[in-house]
Amino acid sequence: MTMTVWVDDWQIQCCGQRFAPGDVVSWTLLEADPEDYADVVGSERADQIDFREEHHGQGERHAPAAVEVVSIVEVHCRYEVPPGSTGRVHFPVPGTTVLVPVEDADGWAKARPDVRFAGYLVTARPVTNAPDGAATPSQ
């Protein structure tokens, strides 16, 4: 059985470790709310996100889970200030998603025209017999 995990760009940039298909990683996984990702990846794909990976305290009551990375896709989209907004906050523009399959993830992505890197969609499978620490990230 596989699952889809959202990994924010900033989470891995801050304190994550590089990972690649075949790696067993120890992540704190929280249930994902599809509404949080619909503008970034589209409603249909957002409905397929099972969990989000969390490094920064919101998962304090959740034990890390060992998962094997199966595949990784970079997610890029355009960000703009919404029309009619008086603020300066940029939000994802629905329908501008660019998905790029990659061989590893380190939190940084090659710049692409007209879009900005947002994070990763990771296909993973639970590992039941992981060693203590579970993480065996790529170098």
N, C-alpha and C. Protein backbone atom coordinates (compact mmCIF):
# COMPACT_ATOMS: atom_id res chain seq x y z
N MET A 1 0.85 -1.18 0.00
CA MET A 1 0.00 0.00 0.00
C MET A 1 0.90 1.25 0.00
N THR A 2 0.61 2.18 -0.88
CA THR A 2 1.37 3.42 -0.91
C THR A 2 0.53 4.58 -0.41
N MET A 3 1.21 5.66 -0.08
CA MET A 3 0.56 6.88 0.37
C MET A 3 1.23 8.05 -0.35
N THR A 4 0.54 9.17 -0.39
CA THR A 4 1.12 10.38 -0.94
C THR A 4 1.34 11.36 0.20
N VAL A 5 2.58 11.88 0.26
CA VAL A 5 2.98 12.79 1.33
C VAL A 5 3.41 14.11 0.71
N TRP A 6 2.88 15.21 1.24
CA TRP A 6 3.31 16.55 0.84
C TRP A 6 4.49 16.95 1.72
N VAL A 7 5.57 17.43 1.10
CA VAL A 7 6.73 17.94 1.83
C VAL A 7 6.94 19.38 1.37
N ASP A 8 6.71 20.34 2.26
CA ASP A 8 6.90 21.75 1.93
C ASP A 8 8.35 22.05 1.60
N ASP A 9 8.56 22.95 0.66
CA ASP A 9 9.92 23.36 0.31
C ASP A 9 10.65 23.88 1.53
N TRP A 10 10.03 24.76 2.30
CA TRP A 10 10.70 25.40 3.43
C TRP A 10 11.00 24.42 4.56
N GLN A 11 10.17 23.37 4.71
CA GLN A 11 10.42 22.39 5.77
C GLN A 11 11.76 21.68 5.54
N ILE A 12 11.99 21.24 4.32
CA ILE A 12 13.23 20.51 4.04
C ILE A 12 14.41 21.49 3.93
N GLN A 13 14.17 22.71 3.45
CA GLN A 13 15.25 23.70 3.37
C GLN A 13 15.76 24.04 4.77
N CYS A 14 14.85 24.13 5.72
CA CYS A 14 15.19 24.51 7.08
C CYS A 14 15.97 23.41 7.80
N CYS A 15 15.39 22.23 7.88
CA CYS A 15 16.04 21.22 8.71
C CYS A 15 15.78 19.80 8.23
N GLY A 16 15.42 19.65 6.98
CA GLY A 16 15.21 18.31 6.44
C GLY A 16 16.50 17.74 5.90
N GLN A 17 16.43 16.48 5.49
CA GLN A 17 17.57 15.82 4.89
C GLN A 17 17.20 15.37 3.48
N ARG A 18 18.21 15.38 2.62
CA ARG A 18 18.03 14.92 1.24
C ARG A 18 17.48 13.48 1.28
N PHE A 19 16.60 13.17 0.32
CA PHE A 19 16.08 11.82 0.21
C PHE A 19 15.87 11.49 -1.25
N ALA A 20 15.79 10.19 -1.54
CA ALA A 20 15.64 9.70 -2.91
C ALA A 20 14.81 8.42 -2.89
N PRO A 21 14.28 8.02 -4.04
CA PRO A 21 13.56 6.74 -4.08
C PRO A 21 14.45 5.61 -3.56
N GLY A 22 13.85 4.75 -2.74
CA GLY A 22 14.57 3.65 -2.13
C GLY A 22 15.03 3.95 -0.72
N ASP A 23 15.12 5.24 -0.35
CA ASP A 23 15.52 5.61 1.01
C ASP A 23 14.40 5.31 1.99
N VAL A 24 14.78 4.90 3.20
CA VAL A 24 13.83 4.77 4.30
C VAL A 24 14.07 5.99 5.19
N VAL A 25 13.00 6.76 5.41
CA VAL A 25 13.10 7.99 6.19
C VAL A 25 12.14 7.93 7.37
N SER A 26 12.45 8.69 8.40
CA SER A 26 11.60 8.79 9.58
C SER A 26 10.99 10.18 9.58
N TRP A 27 9.71 10.26 9.29
CA TRP A 27 9.01 11.53 9.19
C TRP A 27 7.84 11.57 10.16
N THR A 28 7.55 12.75 10.68
CA THR A 28 6.32 12.96 11.43
C THR A 28 5.25 13.30 10.40
N LEU A 29 4.27 12.44 10.29
CA LEU A 29 3.22 12.59 9.28
C LEU A 29 1.92 13.02 9.94
N LEU A 30 1.36 14.11 9.45
CA LEU A 30 0.07 14.59 9.92
C LEU A 30 -0.93 14.47 8.78
N GLU A 31 -2.18 14.18 9.10
CA GLU A 31 -3.19 14.09 8.06
C GLU A 31 -3.27 15.40 7.30
N ALA A 32 -3.38 15.29 5.99
CA ALA A 32 -3.45 16.47 5.14
C ALA A 32 -4.90 16.88 4.91
N ASP A 33 -5.13 18.17 4.84
CA ASP A 33 -6.43 18.72 4.48
C ASP A 33 -6.34 19.12 3.00
N PRO A 34 -7.07 18.44 2.12
CA PRO A 34 -6.98 18.73 0.69
C PRO A 34 -7.17 20.21 0.34
N GLU A 35 -7.98 20.92 1.13
CA GLU A 35 -8.20 22.34 0.85
C GLU A 35 -6.91 23.15 0.94
N ASP A 36 -5.97 22.69 1.76
CA ASP A 36 -4.70 23.41 1.92
C ASP A 36 -3.83 23.34 0.67
N TYR A 37 -4.10 22.37 -0.21
CA TYR A 37 -3.23 22.14 -1.37
C TYR A 37 -3.93 22.31 -2.71
N ALA A 38 -5.23 22.54 -2.69
CA ALA A 38 -6.01 22.60 -3.93
C ALA A 38 -5.52 23.68 -4.90
N ASP A 39 -5.18 24.86 -4.41
CA ASP A 39 -4.72 25.92 -5.30
C ASP A 39 -3.32 25.63 -5.85
N VAL A 40 -2.53 24.88 -5.10
CA VAL A 40 -1.15 24.59 -5.52
C VAL A 40 -1.12 23.45 -6.53
N VAL A 41 -1.84 22.36 -6.27
CA VAL A 41 -1.76 21.17 -7.13
C VAL A 41 -3.05 20.83 -7.87
N GLY A 42 -4.12 21.57 -7.62
CA GLY A 42 -5.42 21.25 -8.21
C GLY A 42 -6.22 20.37 -7.27
N SER A 43 -7.54 20.52 -7.31
CA SER A 43 -8.42 19.81 -6.38
C SER A 43 -8.31 18.30 -6.48
N GLU A 44 -8.26 17.77 -7.70
CA GLU A 44 -8.21 16.32 -7.86
C GLU A 44 -6.94 15.73 -7.26
N ARG A 45 -5.80 16.33 -7.54
CA ARG A 45 -4.54 15.84 -6.99
C ARG A 45 -4.48 16.09 -5.48
N ALA A 46 -5.01 17.21 -5.01
CA ALA A 46 -5.01 17.50 -3.57
C ALA A 46 -5.78 16.44 -2.80
N ASP A 47 -6.86 15.93 -3.38
CA ASP A 47 -7.65 14.87 -2.74
C ASP A 47 -6.84 13.58 -2.56
N GLN A 48 -5.75 13.44 -3.29
CA GLN A 48 -4.92 12.23 -3.22
C GLN A 48 -3.80 12.35 -2.18
N ILE A 49 -3.61 13.53 -1.60
CA ILE A 49 -2.56 13.71 -0.59
C ILE A 49 -3.08 13.18 0.75
N ASP A 50 -2.38 12.18 1.26
CA ASP A 50 -2.79 11.53 2.50
C ASP A 50 -2.24 12.25 3.74
N PHE A 51 -0.95 12.63 3.67
CA PHE A 51 -0.26 13.20 4.82
C PHE A 51 0.61 14.36 4.40
N ARG A 52 0.98 15.16 5.38
CA ARG A 52 2.01 16.18 5.19
C ARG A 52 3.11 15.91 6.19
N GLU A 53 4.34 16.14 5.78
CA GLU A 53 5.49 15.92 6.63
C GLU A 53 5.72 17.17 7.46
N GLU A 54 5.98 17.00 8.76
CA GLU A 54 6.09 18.15 9.68
C GLU A 54 7.36 18.06 10.51
N HIS A 55 8.15 19.13 10.50
CA HIS A 55 9.37 19.21 11.29
C HIS A 55 9.27 20.17 12.48
N HIS A 56 8.26 21.00 12.53
CA HIS A 56 8.30 22.17 13.40
C HIS A 56 7.26 22.21 14.51
N GLY A 57 7.13 21.13 15.26
CA GLY A 57 6.34 21.17 16.47
C GLY A 57 4.87 20.88 16.36
N GLN A 58 4.26 21.05 15.21
CA GLN A 58 2.83 20.77 15.12
C GLN A 58 2.55 19.28 15.25
N GLY A 59 3.58 18.47 15.13
CA GLY A 59 3.39 17.04 15.25
C GLY A 59 3.92 16.48 16.55
N GLU A 60 4.06 17.33 17.56
CA GLU A 60 4.65 16.90 18.83
C GLU A 60 3.97 15.68 19.43
N ARG A 61 2.70 15.53 19.20
CA ARG A 61 1.97 14.40 19.78
C ARG A 61 1.96 13.19 18.85
N HIS A 62 2.69 13.27 17.76
CA HIS A 62 2.72 12.18 16.79
C HIS A 62 4.13 11.61 16.72
N ALA A 63 4.22 10.30 16.78
CA ALA A 63 5.52 9.64 16.67
C ALA A 63 5.96 9.61 15.20
N PRO A 64 7.24 9.73 14.96
CA PRO A 64 7.73 9.63 13.58
C PRO A 64 7.37 8.26 12.99
N ALA A 65 7.10 8.26 11.71
CA ALA A 65 6.78 7.04 10.99
C ALA A 65 7.90 6.73 10.01
N ALA A 66 8.24 5.48 9.90
CA ALA A 66 9.25 5.06 8.92
C ALA A 66 8.54 4.75 7.61
N VAL A 67 9.00 5.39 6.55
CA VAL A 67 8.45 5.15 5.22
C VAL A 67 9.59 4.99 4.22
N GLU A 68 9.32 4.19 3.20
CA GLU A 68 10.26 4.05 2.08
C GLU A 68 9.78 4.95 0.96
N VAL A 69 10.66 5.80 0.46
CA VAL A 69 10.33 6.69 -0.64
C VAL A 69 10.26 5.88 -1.92
N VAL A 70 9.15 6.00 -2.65
CA VAL A 70 8.96 5.29 -3.91
C VAL A 70 9.25 6.22 -5.09
N SER A 71 8.69 7.44 -5.05
CA SER A 71 8.92 8.41 -6.12
C SER A 71 8.75 9.82 -5.58
N ILE A 72 9.33 10.78 -6.31
CA ILE A 72 9.31 12.18 -5.89
C ILE A 72 8.95 13.05 -7.09
N VAL A 73 8.04 14.00 -6.88
CA VAL A 73 7.67 14.96 -7.91
C VAL A 73 7.78 16.36 -7.32
N GLU A 74 8.57 17.23 -7.96
CA GLU A 74 8.60 18.64 -7.57
C GLU A 74 7.29 19.29 -8.00
N VAL A 75 6.81 20.21 -7.19
CA VAL A 75 5.60 20.96 -7.52
C VAL A 75 5.98 22.43 -7.61
N HIS A 76 5.67 23.04 -8.74
CA HIS A 76 5.90 24.46 -8.98
C HIS A 76 4.55 25.07 -9.36
N CYS A 77 4.34 26.32 -8.99
CA CYS A 77 3.15 27.04 -9.45
C CYS A 77 3.43 28.54 -9.41
N ARG A 78 2.54 29.28 -10.04
CA ARG A 78 2.68 30.73 -10.03
C ARG A 78 2.02 31.28 -8.77
N TYR A 79 2.59 32.33 -8.23
CA TYR A 79 2.05 33.03 -7.07
C TYR A 79 1.81 34.48 -7.46
N GLU A 80 0.68 35.04 -7.04
CA GLU A 80 0.34 36.43 -7.31
C GLU A 80 -0.49 37.00 -6.17
N VAL A 81 -0.52 38.32 -6.11
CA VAL A 81 -1.46 38.99 -5.22
C VAL A 81 -2.83 38.86 -5.89
N PRO A 82 -3.83 38.36 -5.17
CA PRO A 82 -5.15 38.18 -5.78
C PRO A 82 -5.72 39.50 -6.32
N PRO A 83 -6.42 39.45 -7.45
CA PRO A 83 -7.05 40.66 -7.99
C PRO A 83 -7.97 41.30 -6.95
N GLY A 84 -7.89 42.61 -6.84
CA GLY A 84 -8.74 43.34 -5.90
C GLY A 84 -8.21 43.37 -4.48
N SER A 85 -7.13 42.66 -4.22
CA SER A 85 -6.57 42.64 -2.87
C SER A 85 -5.81 43.94 -2.60
N THR A 86 -5.91 44.41 -1.38
CA THR A 86 -5.15 45.59 -0.99
C THR A 86 -3.85 45.19 -0.30
N GLY A 87 -3.68 43.89 -0.05
CA GLY A 87 -2.47 43.40 0.60
C GLY A 87 -1.37 43.11 -0.41
N ARG A 88 -0.26 42.67 0.11
CA ARG A 88 0.89 42.34 -0.74
C ARG A 88 1.25 40.86 -0.67
N VAL A 89 0.40 40.07 -0.02
CA VAL A 89 0.66 38.65 0.13
C VAL A 89 0.34 37.92 -1.17
N HIS A 90 1.30 37.13 -1.62
CA HIS A 90 1.13 36.34 -2.83
C HIS A 90 0.52 34.99 -2.48
N PHE A 91 -0.42 34.53 -3.30
CA PHE A 91 -1.08 33.25 -3.11
C PHE A 91 -0.91 32.42 -4.37
N PRO A 92 -1.01 31.07 -4.25
CA PRO A 92 -0.92 30.22 -5.44
C PRO A 92 -2.03 30.56 -6.43
N VAL A 93 -1.71 30.51 -7.70
CA VAL A 93 -2.70 30.75 -8.75
C VAL A 93 -3.18 29.38 -9.26
N PRO A 94 -4.45 29.05 -9.02
CA PRO A 94 -4.97 27.75 -9.47
C PRO A 94 -4.76 27.56 -10.98
N GLY A 95 -4.46 26.33 -11.35
CA GLY A 95 -4.30 26.00 -12.77
C GLY A 95 -2.92 26.28 -13.34
N THR A 96 -1.97 26.69 -12.50
CA THR A 96 -0.62 27.00 -13.01
C THR A 96 0.42 25.96 -12.59
N THR A 97 -0.02 24.83 -12.08
CA THR A 97 0.88 23.81 -11.55
C THR A 97 1.76 23.20 -12.62
N VAL A 98 3.04 23.05 -12.29
CA VAL A 98 3.99 22.33 -13.13
C VAL A 98 4.58 21.23 -12.25
N LEU A 99 4.45 19.97 -12.69
CA LEU A 99 4.97 18.83 -11.94
C LEU A 99 6.21 18.30 -12.65
N VAL A 100 7.28 18.07 -11.88
CA VAL A 100 8.54 17.62 -12.44
C VAL A 100 9.04 16.40 -11.65
N PRO A 101 9.00 15.19 -12.24
CA PRO A 101 9.56 14.04 -11.55
C PRO A 101 11.07 14.23 -11.35
N VAL A 102 11.57 13.88 -10.16
CA VAL A 102 13.00 14.05 -9.86
C VAL A 102 13.55 12.79 -9.21
N GLU A 103 14.88 12.68 -9.24
CA GLU A 103 15.57 11.51 -8.68
C GLU A 103 15.96 11.68 -7.22
N ASP A 104 15.93 12.92 -6.72
CA ASP A 104 16.19 13.15 -5.30
C ASP A 104 15.62 14.51 -4.91
N ALA A 105 15.56 14.73 -3.60
CA ALA A 105 14.99 15.97 -3.08
C ALA A 105 15.89 16.52 -1.99
N ASP A 106 16.23 17.80 -2.10
CA ASP A 106 17.04 18.45 -1.07
C ASP A 106 16.45 19.78 -0.63
N GLY A 107 15.25 20.10 -1.13
CA GLY A 107 14.59 21.35 -0.75
C GLY A 107 14.80 22.47 -1.74
N TRP A 108 15.66 22.26 -2.70
CA TRP A 108 15.96 23.29 -3.69
C TRP A 108 15.66 22.73 -5.07
N ALA A 109 15.16 23.54 -5.95
CA ALA A 109 14.78 23.08 -7.28
C ALA A 109 15.30 24.06 -8.34
N LYS A 110 15.53 23.54 -9.51
CA LYS A 110 15.94 24.38 -10.64
C LYS A 110 14.82 25.37 -10.94
N ALA A 111 15.18 26.63 -11.13
CA ALA A 111 14.19 27.67 -11.45
C ALA A 111 13.49 27.34 -12.76
N ARG A 112 12.21 27.60 -12.80
CA ARG A 112 11.39 27.37 -13.98
C ARG A 112 10.68 28.68 -14.33
N PRO A 113 10.49 28.93 -15.62
CA PRO A 113 9.86 30.20 -16.02
C PRO A 113 8.44 30.35 -15.47
N ASP A 114 8.16 31.52 -14.92
CA ASP A 114 6.81 31.93 -14.51
C ASP A 114 6.20 31.17 -13.34
N VAL A 115 6.95 30.26 -12.71
CA VAL A 115 6.43 29.52 -11.56
C VAL A 115 7.49 29.47 -10.48
N ARG A 116 7.05 29.16 -9.27
CA ARG A 116 7.95 29.08 -8.13
C ARG A 116 7.82 27.69 -7.47
N PHE A 117 8.92 27.17 -7.00
CA PHE A 117 8.94 25.87 -6.34
C PHE A 117 8.14 25.95 -5.04
N ALA A 118 7.25 24.97 -4.82
CA ALA A 118 6.39 24.97 -3.63
C ALA A 118 6.66 23.79 -2.70
N GLY A 119 7.05 22.66 -3.25
CA GLY A 119 7.27 21.48 -2.42
C GLY A 119 7.30 20.22 -3.26
N TYR A 120 7.15 19.10 -2.57
CA TYR A 120 7.21 17.80 -3.22
C TYR A 120 5.97 16.98 -2.94
N LEU A 121 5.56 16.21 -3.92
CA LEU A 121 4.61 15.13 -3.72
C LEU A 121 5.44 13.86 -3.72
N VAL A 122 5.40 13.15 -2.60
CA VAL A 122 6.22 11.96 -2.44
C VAL A 122 5.31 10.75 -2.32
N THR A 123 5.53 9.77 -3.17
CA THR A 123 4.85 8.49 -3.02
C THR A 123 5.74 7.64 -2.13
N ALA A 124 5.14 7.08 -1.07
CA ALA A 124 5.91 6.31 -0.09
C ALA A 124 5.08 5.12 0.36
N ARG A 125 5.78 4.17 0.99
CA ARG A 125 5.07 3.04 1.58
C ARG A 125 5.57 2.84 3.01
N PRO A 126 4.67 2.49 3.90
CA PRO A 126 5.06 2.28 5.30
C PRO A 126 6.09 1.16 5.41
N VAL A 127 7.01 1.32 6.35
CA VAL A 127 8.00 0.30 6.65
C VAL A 127 7.73 -0.17 8.07
N THR A 128 7.49 -1.45 8.24
CA THR A 128 7.14 -1.96 9.56
C THR A 128 8.34 -2.42 10.37
N ASN A 129 9.41 -2.83 9.73
CA ASN A 129 10.58 -3.34 10.43
C ASN A 129 11.78 -2.42 10.26
N ALA A 130 11.58 -1.12 10.45
CA ALA A 130 12.67 -0.17 10.27
C ALA A 130 13.58 -0.18 11.49
N PRO A 131 14.88 -0.03 11.27
CA PRO A 131 15.79 0.06 12.42
C PRO A 131 15.57 1.35 13.19
N ASP A 132 16.06 1.41 14.44
CA ASP A 132 15.96 2.63 15.22
C ASP A 132 16.54 3.79 14.44
N GLY A 133 15.86 4.95 14.48
CA GLY A 133 16.32 6.11 13.74
C GLY A 133 15.78 6.11 12.33
N ALA A 134 15.52 4.98 11.75
CA ALA A 134 14.89 4.75 10.46
C ALA A 134 15.45 5.50 9.28
N ALA A 135 16.03 6.65 9.47
CA ALA A 135 16.46 7.43 8.32
C ALA A 135 17.74 6.86 7.71
N THR A 136 17.67 6.61 6.42
CA THR A 136 18.84 6.22 5.66
C THR A 136 18.87 7.08 4.40
N PRO A 137 19.01 8.41 4.56
CA PRO A 137 18.89 9.31 3.44
C PRO A 137 20.04 9.18 2.45
N SER A 138 19.79 9.61 1.22
CA SER A 138 20.80 9.63 0.17
C SER A 138 21.87 10.64 0.50
N GLN A 139 23.03 10.43 0.01
CA GLN A 139 24.14 11.37 0.22
C GLN A 139 24.17 12.40 -0.87
